[in-house]
């Protein structure tokens, strides 16, 4: 499976969390067995994505790590 299959997962989850789902931009960069997913949201939704004490962002990264592990890929998430 390709890394791009992780983008719809991020999109699905994030759309339920933000007030401006049309402002979501997701891109990914693949390098060997490593995938960097870049998530950009509306500035007003940044707190919703990060969550209290960064818990939501941490949980989203953990979920991506599990999904990446199933594809034998190391994943990381950058939130902008």
PDB file of N, CA and C in Angstrom:
ATOM      1  N   UNK A   1       0.831  -1.184   0.000  1.00  0.00           N
ATOM      2  CA  UNK A   1       0.000   0.000   0.000  1.00  0.00           C
ATOM      3  C   UNK A   1       0.874   1.245   0.000  1.00  0.00           C
ATOM      4  N   UNK A   2       0.395   2.301  -0.570  1.00  0.00           N
ATOM      5  CA  UNK A   2       1.156   3.528  -0.672  1.00  0.00           C
ATOM      6  C   UNK A   2       0.879   4.439   0.515  1.00  0.00           C
ATOM      7  N   UNK A   3       1.788   5.379   0.739  1.00  0.00           N
ATOM      8  CA  UNK A   3       1.637   6.335   1.831  1.00  0.00           C
ATOM      9  C   UNK A   3       0.407   7.211   1.633  1.00  0.00           C
ATOM     10  N   UNK A   4       0.035   7.440   0.385  1.00  0.00           N
ATOM     11  CA  UNK A   4      -1.096   8.308   0.102  1.00  0.00           C
ATOM     12  C   UNK A   4      -2.382   7.754   0.705  1.00  0.00           C
ATOM     13  N   UNK A   5      -2.406   6.474   0.990  1.00  0.00           N
ATOM     14  CA  UNK A   5      -3.603   5.911   1.591  1.00  0.00           C
ATOM     15  C   UNK A   5      -3.790   6.387   3.036  1.00  0.00           C
ATOM     16  N   UNK A   6      -2.761   6.997   3.618  1.00  0.00           N
ATOM     17  CA  UNK A   6      -2.887   7.555   4.963  1.00  0.00           C
ATOM     18  C   UNK A   6      -3.527   8.936   4.947  1.00  0.00           C
ATOM     19  N   UNK A   7      -3.412   9.649   3.842  1.00  0.00           N
ATOM     20  CA  UNK A   7      -4.000  10.979   3.746  1.00  0.00           C
ATOM     21  C   UNK A   7      -5.528  10.967   3.946  1.00  0.00           C
ATOM     22  N   UNK A   8      -6.258  10.047   3.318  1.00  0.00           N
ATOM     23  CA  UNK A   8      -7.706  10.026   3.563  1.00  0.00           C
ATOM     24  C   UNK A   8      -8.057   9.731   5.020  1.00  0.00           C
ATOM     25  N   UNK A   9      -7.248   8.951   5.706  1.00  0.00           N
ATOM     26  CA  UNK A   9      -7.480   8.676   7.122  1.00  0.00           C
ATOM     27  C   UNK A   9      -7.361   9.961   7.932  1.00  0.00           C
ATOM     28  N   UNK A  10      -6.305  10.721   7.690  1.00  0.00           N
ATOM     29  CA  UNK A  10      -6.116  11.994   8.391  1.00  0.00           C
ATOM     30  C   UNK A  10      -7.248  12.954   8.053  1.00  0.00           C
ATOM     31  N   UNK A  11      -7.603  13.041   6.791  1.00  0.00           N
ATOM     32  CA  UNK A  11      -8.676  13.921   6.350  1.00  0.00           C
ATOM     33  C   UNK A  11      -9.997  13.575   7.043  1.00  0.00           C
ATOM     34  N   UNK A  12     -10.319  12.307   7.098  1.00  0.00           N
ATOM     35  CA  UNK A  12     -11.570  11.858   7.721  1.00  0.00           C
ATOM     36  C   UNK A  12     -11.635  12.252   9.196  1.00  0.00           C
ATOM     37  N   UNK A  13     -10.554  12.019   9.907  1.00  0.00           N
ATOM     38  CA  UNK A  13     -10.532  12.314  11.341  1.00  0.00           C
ATOM     39  C   UNK A  13     -10.582  13.811  11.588  1.00  0.00           C
ATOM     40  N   UNK A  14      -9.753  14.555  10.879  1.00  0.00           N
ATOM     41  CA  UNK A  14      -9.633  15.990  11.121  1.00  0.00           C
ATOM     42  C   UNK A  14     -10.916  16.736  10.755  1.00  0.00           C
ATOM     43  N   UNK A  15     -11.602  16.299   9.706  1.00  0.00           N
ATOM     44  CA  UNK A  15     -12.843  16.980   9.306  1.00  0.00           C
ATOM     45  C   UNK A  15     -13.894  16.955  10.415  1.00  0.00           C
ATOM     46  N   UNK A  16     -13.873  15.941  11.252  1.00  0.00           N
ATOM     47  CA  UNK A  16     -14.830  15.850  12.349  1.00  0.00           C
ATOM     48  C   UNK A  16     -14.451  16.758  13.520  1.00  0.00           C
ATOM     49  N   UNK A  17     -13.229  17.248  13.532  1.00  0.00           N
ATOM     50  CA  UNK A  17     -12.741  18.012  14.676  1.00  0.00           C
ATOM     51  C   UNK A  17     -12.737  19.524  14.473  1.00  0.00           C
ATOM     52  N   UNK A  18     -12.733  19.966  13.233  1.00  0.00           N
ATOM     53  CA  UNK A  18     -12.557  21.395  12.959  1.00  0.00           C
ATOM     54  C   UNK A  18     -13.868  22.085  12.600  1.00  0.00           C
ATOM     55  N   UNK A  19     -13.859  23.408  12.713  1.00  0.00           N
ATOM     56  CA  UNK A  19     -15.016  24.211  12.315  1.00  0.00           C
ATOM     57  C   UNK A  19     -14.960  24.565  10.827  1.00  0.00           C
ATOM     58  N   UNK A  20     -13.755  24.584  10.252  1.00  0.00           N
ATOM     59  CA  UNK A  20     -13.559  24.949   8.849  1.00  0.00           C
ATOM     60  C   UNK A  20     -12.964  23.770   8.067  1.00  0.00           C
ATOM     61  N   UNK A  21     -13.768  22.745   7.766  1.00  0.00           N
ATOM     62  CA  UNK A  21     -13.218  21.577   7.072  1.00  0.00           C
ATOM     63  C   UNK A  21     -12.727  21.869   5.660  1.00  0.00           C
ATOM     64  N   UNK A  22     -13.228  22.941   5.036  1.00  0.00           N
ATOM     65  CA  UNK A  22     -12.776  23.279   3.684  1.00  0.00           C
ATOM     66  C   UNK A  22     -11.361  23.852   3.670  1.00  0.00           C
ATOM     67  N   UNK A  23     -10.862  24.269   4.824  1.00  0.00           N
ATOM     68  CA  UNK A  23      -9.524  24.858   4.913  1.00  0.00           C
ATOM     69  C   UNK A  23      -8.431  23.808   5.142  1.00  0.00           C
ATOM     70  N   UNK A  24      -8.809  22.553   5.264  1.00  0.00           N
ATOM     71  CA  UNK A  24      -7.837  21.492   5.521  1.00  0.00           C
ATOM     72  C   UNK A  24      -7.015  21.229   4.266  1.00  0.00           C
ATOM     73  N   UNK A  25      -5.699  21.181   4.442  1.00  0.00           N
ATOM     74  CA  UNK A  25      -4.796  20.802   3.361  1.00  0.00           C
ATOM     75  C   UNK A  25      -3.871  19.715   3.896  1.00  0.00           C
ATOM     76  N   UNK A  26      -3.808  18.607   3.170  1.00  0.00           N
ATOM     77  CA  UNK A  26      -2.970  17.485   3.585  1.00  0.00           C
ATOM     78  C   UNK A  26      -2.064  17.108   2.428  1.00  0.00           C
ATOM     79  N   UNK A  27      -0.791  16.959   2.740  1.00  0.00           N
ATOM     80  CA  UNK A  27       0.161  16.495   1.737  1.00  0.00           C
ATOM     81  C   UNK A  27       1.101  15.507   2.415  1.00  0.00           C
ATOM     82  N   UNK A  28       1.786  14.732   1.604  1.00  0.00           N
ATOM     83  CA  UNK A  28       2.725  13.775   2.179  1.00  0.00           C
ATOM     84  C   UNK A  28       3.975  13.688   1.322  1.00  0.00           C
ATOM     85  N   UNK A  29       5.067  13.401   1.990  1.00  0.00           N
ATOM     86  CA  UNK A  29       6.345  13.192   1.328  1.00  0.00           C
ATOM     87  C   UNK A  29       6.832  11.805   1.725  1.00  0.00           C
ATOM     88  N   UNK A  30       7.206  11.018   0.735  1.00  0.00           N
ATOM     89  CA  UNK A  30       7.681   9.666   0.991  1.00  0.00           C
ATOM     90  C   UNK A  30       9.155   9.568   0.653  1.00  0.00           C
ATOM     91  N   UNK A  31       9.890   8.975   1.564  1.00  0.00           N
ATOM     92  CA  UNK A  31      11.320   8.772   1.362  1.00  0.00           C
ATOM     93  C   UNK A  31      11.649   7.369   1.866  1.00  0.00           C
ATOM     94  N   UNK A  32      11.882   6.453   0.943  1.00  0.00           N
ATOM     95  CA  UNK A  32      12.135   5.034   1.270  1.00  0.00           C
ATOM     96  C   UNK A  32      10.966   4.488   2.088  1.00  0.00           C
ATOM     97  N   UNK A  33      11.192   4.100   3.322  1.00  0.00           N
ATOM     98  CA  UNK A  33      10.114   3.546   4.150  1.00  0.00           C
ATOM     99  C   UNK A  33       9.640   4.553   5.196  1.00  0.00           C
ATOM    100  N   UNK A  34       9.823   5.831   4.895  1.00  0.00           N
ATOM    101  CA  UNK A  34       9.434   6.890   5.818  1.00  0.00           C
ATOM    102  C   UNK A  34       8.443   7.830   5.150  1.00  0.00           C
ATOM    103  N   UNK A  35       7.394   8.204   5.879  1.00  0.00           N
ATOM    104  CA  UNK A  35       6.352   9.081   5.341  1.00  0.00           C
ATOM    105  C   UNK A  35       6.164  10.270   6.277  1.00  0.00           C
ATOM    106  N   UNK A  36       6.219  11.469   5.711  1.00  0.00           N
ATOM    107  CA  UNK A  36       5.928  12.684   6.453  1.00  0.00           C
ATOM    108  C   UNK A  36       4.600  13.212   5.952  1.00  0.00           C
ATOM    109  N   UNK A  37       3.630  13.307   6.836  1.00  0.00           N
ATOM    110  CA  UNK A  37       2.318  13.844   6.479  1.00  0.00           C
ATOM    111  C   UNK A  37       2.239  15.247   7.051  1.00  0.00           C
ATOM    112  N   UNK A  38       1.929  16.206   6.182  1.00  0.00           N
ATOM    113  CA  UNK A  38       1.824  17.602   6.578  1.00  0.00           C
ATOM    114  C   UNK A  38       0.349  18.000   6.571  1.00  0.00           C
ATOM    115  N   UNK A  39      -0.094  18.491   7.703  1.00  0.00           N
ATOM    116  CA  UNK A  39      -1.483  18.887   7.879  1.00  0.00           C
ATOM    117  C   UNK A  39      -1.537  20.383   8.129  1.00  0.00           C
ATOM    118  N   UNK A  40      -2.326  21.071   7.328  1.00  0.00           N
ATOM    119  CA  UNK A  40      -2.520  22.503   7.521  1.00  0.00           C
ATOM    120  C   UNK A  40      -4.007  22.743   7.729  1.00  0.00           C
ATOM    121  N   UNK A  41      -4.330  23.467   8.803  1.00  0.00           N
ATOM    122  CA  UNK A  41      -5.723  23.791   9.117  1.00  0.00           C
ATOM    123  C   UNK A  41      -5.846  25.293   9.300  1.00  0.00           C
ATOM    124  N   UNK A  42      -7.080  25.766   9.346  1.00  0.00           N
ATOM    125  CA  UNK A  42      -7.358  27.168   9.610  1.00  0.00           C
ATOM    126  C   UNK A  42      -6.763  27.527  10.976  1.00  0.00           C
ATOM    127  N   UNK A  43      -6.240  28.744  11.074  1.00  0.00           N
ATOM    128  CA  UNK A  43      -5.605  29.178  12.323  1.00  0.00           C
ATOM    129  C   UNK A  43      -6.545  29.053  13.526  1.00  0.00           C
ATOM    130  N   UNK A  44      -7.823  29.300  13.308  1.00  0.00           N
ATOM    131  CA  UNK A  44      -8.796  29.186  14.391  1.00  0.00           C
ATOM    132  C   UNK A  44      -9.039  27.758  14.851  1.00  0.00           C
ATOM    133  N   UNK A  45      -8.696  26.788  14.028  1.00  0.00           N
ATOM    134  CA  UNK A  45      -8.885  25.376  14.368  1.00  0.00           C
ATOM    135  C   UNK A  45      -7.630  24.719  14.940  1.00  0.00           C
ATOM    136  N   UNK A  46      -6.544  25.462  15.001  1.00  0.00           N
ATOM    137  CA  UNK A  46      -5.286  24.886  15.457  1.00  0.00           C
ATOM    138  C   UNK A  46      -5.413  24.293  16.867  1.00  0.00           C
ATOM    139  N   UNK A  47      -6.066  24.990  17.756  1.00  0.00           N
ATOM    140  CA  UNK A  47      -6.245  24.493  19.121  1.00  0.00           C
ATOM    141  C   UNK A  47      -7.073  23.222  19.176  1.00  0.00           C
ATOM    142  N   UNK A  48      -8.038  23.097  18.289  1.00  0.00           N
ATOM    143  CA  UNK A  48      -8.868  21.896  18.249  1.00  0.00           C
ATOM    144  C   UNK A  48      -8.055  20.683  17.812  1.00  0.00           C
ATOM    145  N   UNK A  49      -7.115  20.881  16.910  1.00  0.00           N
ATOM    146  CA  UNK A  49      -6.300  19.783  16.402  1.00  0.00           C
ATOM    147  C   UNK A  49      -5.231  19.384  17.414  1.00  0.00           C
ATOM    148  N   UNK A  50      -4.663  20.358  18.087  1.00  0.00           N
ATOM    149  CA  UNK A  50      -3.615  20.059  19.058  1.00  0.00           C
ATOM    150  C   UNK A  50      -4.219  19.481  20.337  1.00  0.00           C
ATOM    151  N   UNK A  51      -5.322  20.045  20.781  1.00  0.00           N
ATOM    152  CA  UNK A  51      -5.979  19.541  21.982  1.00  0.00           C
ATOM    153  C   UNK A  51      -5.306  20.029  23.253  1.00  0.00           C
ATOM    154  N   UNK A  52      -5.926  19.708  24.367  1.00  0.00           N
ATOM    155  CA  UNK A  52      -5.364  20.105  25.662  1.00  0.00           C
ATOM    156  C   UNK A  52      -4.046  19.397  25.892  1.00  0.00           C
ATOM    157  N   UNK A  53      -3.044  20.204  26.203  1.00  0.00           N
ATOM    158  CA  UNK A  53      -1.693  19.699  26.475  1.00  0.00           C
ATOM    159  C   UNK A  53      -1.155  18.830  25.336  1.00  0.00           C
ATOM    160  N   UNK A  54      -1.678  19.035  24.129  1.00  0.00           N
ATOM    161  CA  UNK A  54      -1.184  18.299  22.963  1.00  0.00           C
ATOM    162  C   UNK A  54      -1.663  16.868  22.865  1.00  0.00           C
ATOM    163  N   UNK A  55      -2.642  16.511  23.658  1.00  0.00           N
ATOM    164  CA  UNK A  55      -3.100  15.117  23.699  1.00  0.00           C
ATOM    165  C   UNK A  55      -3.697  14.646  22.380  1.00  0.00           C
ATOM    166  N   UNK A  56      -4.510  15.487  21.756  1.00  0.00           N
ATOM    167  CA  UNK A  56      -5.147  15.075  20.507  1.00  0.00           C
ATOM    168  C   UNK A  56      -4.118  14.884  19.401  1.00  0.00           C
ATOM    169  N   UNK A  57      -3.155  15.808  19.311  1.00  0.00           N
ATOM    170  CA  UNK A  57      -2.096  15.677  18.308  1.00  0.00           C
ATOM    171  C   UNK A  57      -1.278  14.410  18.568  1.00  0.00           C
ATOM    172  N   UNK A  58      -0.994  14.129  19.820  1.00  0.00           N
ATOM    173  CA  UNK A  58      -0.246  12.915  20.174  1.00  0.00           C
ATOM    174  C   UNK A  58      -1.025  11.667  19.781  1.00  0.00           C
ATOM    175  N   UNK A  59      -2.315  11.665  20.045  1.00  0.00           N
ATOM    176  CA  UNK A  59      -3.142  10.506  19.693  1.00  0.00           C
ATOM    177  C   UNK A  59      -3.242  10.325  18.182  1.00  0.00           C
ATOM    178  N   UNK A  60      -3.329  11.414  17.453  1.00  0.00           N
ATOM    179  CA  UNK A  60      -3.368  11.334  15.997  1.00  0.00           C
ATOM    180  C   UNK A  60      -2.049  10.780  15.467  1.00  0.00           C
ATOM    181  N   UNK A  61      -0.941  11.213  16.037  1.00  0.00           N
ATOM    182  CA  UNK A  61       0.369  10.678  15.629  1.00  0.00           C
ATOM    183  C   UNK A  61       0.481   9.188  15.956  1.00  0.00           C
ATOM    184  N   UNK A  62      -0.052   8.783  17.099  1.00  0.00           N
ATOM    185  CA  UNK A  62      -0.028   7.369  17.471  1.00  0.00           C
ATOM    186  C   UNK A  62      -0.844   6.539  16.493  1.00  0.00           C
ATOM    187  N   UNK A  63      -2.010   7.022  16.126  1.00  0.00           N
ATOM    188  CA  UNK A  63      -2.857   6.323  15.162  1.00  0.00           C
ATOM    189  C   UNK A  63      -2.145   6.188  13.820  1.00  0.00           C
ATOM    190  N   UNK A  64      -1.490   7.240  13.380  1.00  0.00           N
ATOM    191  CA  UNK A  64      -0.736   7.179  12.122  1.00  0.00           C
ATOM    192  C   UNK A  64       0.447   6.221  12.227  1.00  0.00           C
ATOM    193  N   UNK A  65       1.052   6.180  13.385  1.00  0.00           N
ATOM    194  CA  UNK A  65       2.164   5.255  13.590  1.00  0.00           C
ATOM    195  C   UNK A  65       1.700   3.805  13.468  1.00  0.00           C
ATOM    196  N   UNK A  66       0.558   3.502  14.033  1.00  0.00           N
ATOM    197  CA  UNK A  66       0.002   2.156  13.937  1.00  0.00           C
ATOM    198  C   UNK A  66      -0.356   1.828  12.492  1.00  0.00           C
ATOM    199  N   UNK A  67      -0.994   2.770  11.805  1.00  0.00           N
ATOM    200  CA  UNK A  67      -1.349   2.552  10.402  1.00  0.00           C
ATOM    201  C   UNK A  67      -0.102   2.397   9.544  1.00  0.00           C
ATOM    202  N   UNK A  68       0.921   3.179   9.836  1.00  0.00           N
ATOM    203  CA  UNK A  68       2.175   3.067   9.097  1.00  0.00           C
ATOM    204  C   UNK A  68       2.888   1.763   9.375  1.00  0.00           C
ATOM    205  N   UNK A  69       2.833   1.323  10.625  1.00  0.00           N
ATOM    206  CA  UNK A  69       3.463   0.051  10.992  1.00  0.00           C
ATOM    207  C   UNK A  69       2.834  -1.102  10.212  1.00  0.00           C
ATOM    208  N   UNK A  70       1.542  -1.049   9.998  1.00  0.00           N
ATOM    209  CA  UNK A  70       0.855  -2.085   9.223  1.00  0.00           C
ATOM    210  C   UNK A  70       1.325  -2.094   7.769  1.00  0.00           C
ATOM    211  N   UNK A  71       1.880  -0.955   7.313  1.00  0.00           N
ATOM    212  CA  UNK A  71       2.385  -0.843   5.942  1.00  0.00           C
ATOM    213  C   UNK A  71       3.910  -0.880   5.893  1.00  0.00           C
ATOM    214  N   UNK A  72       4.529  -1.209   7.025  1.00  0.00           N
ATOM    215  CA  UNK A  72       5.996  -1.256   7.151  1.00  0.00           C
ATOM    216  C   UNK A  72       6.618   0.099   6.815  1.00  0.00           C
ATOM    217  N   UNK A  73       5.992   1.169   7.314  1.00  0.00           N
ATOM    218  CA  UNK A  73       6.479   2.525   7.081  1.00  0.00           C
ATOM    219  C   UNK A  73       6.547   3.266   8.408  1.00  0.00           C
ATOM    220  N   UNK A  74       7.554   4.086   8.533  1.00  0.00           N
ATOM    221  CA  UNK A  74       7.646   4.978   9.675  1.00  0.00           C
ATOM    222  C   UNK A  74       6.900   6.254   9.299  1.00  0.00           C
ATOM    223  N   UNK A  75       6.042   6.727  10.171  1.00  0.00           N
ATOM    224  CA  UNK A  75       5.247   7.907   9.846  1.00  0.00           C
ATOM    225  C   UNK A  75       5.520   9.030  10.835  1.00  0.00           C
ATOM    226  N   UNK A  76       5.354  10.249  10.359  1.00  0.00           N
ATOM    227  CA  UNK A  76       5.409  11.417  11.244  1.00  0.00           C
ATOM    228  C   UNK A  76       4.385  12.421  10.732  1.00  0.00           C
ATOM    229  N   UNK A  77       3.881  13.225  11.650  1.00  0.00           N
ATOM    230  CA  UNK A  77       2.850  14.210  11.332  1.00  0.00           C
ATOM    231  C   UNK A  77       3.339  15.585  11.707  1.00  0.00           C
ATOM    232  N   UNK A  78       3.252  16.497  10.768  1.00  0.00           N
ATOM    233  CA  UNK A  78       3.601  17.899  11.002  1.00  0.00           C
ATOM    234  C   UNK A  78       2.319  18.702  10.884  1.00  0.00           C
ATOM    235  N   UNK A  79       1.990  19.458  11.915  1.00  0.00           N
ATOM    236  CA  UNK A  79       0.773  20.260  11.919  1.00  0.00           C
ATOM    237  C   UNK A  79       1.179  21.727  11.755  1.00  0.00           C
ATOM    238  N   UNK A  80       0.598  22.352  10.735  1.00  0.00           N
ATOM    239  CA  UNK A  80       0.899  23.768  10.463  1.00  0.00           C
ATOM    240  C   UNK A  80      -0.369  24.563  10.462  1.00  0.00           C
TER     241      UNK A  80
END
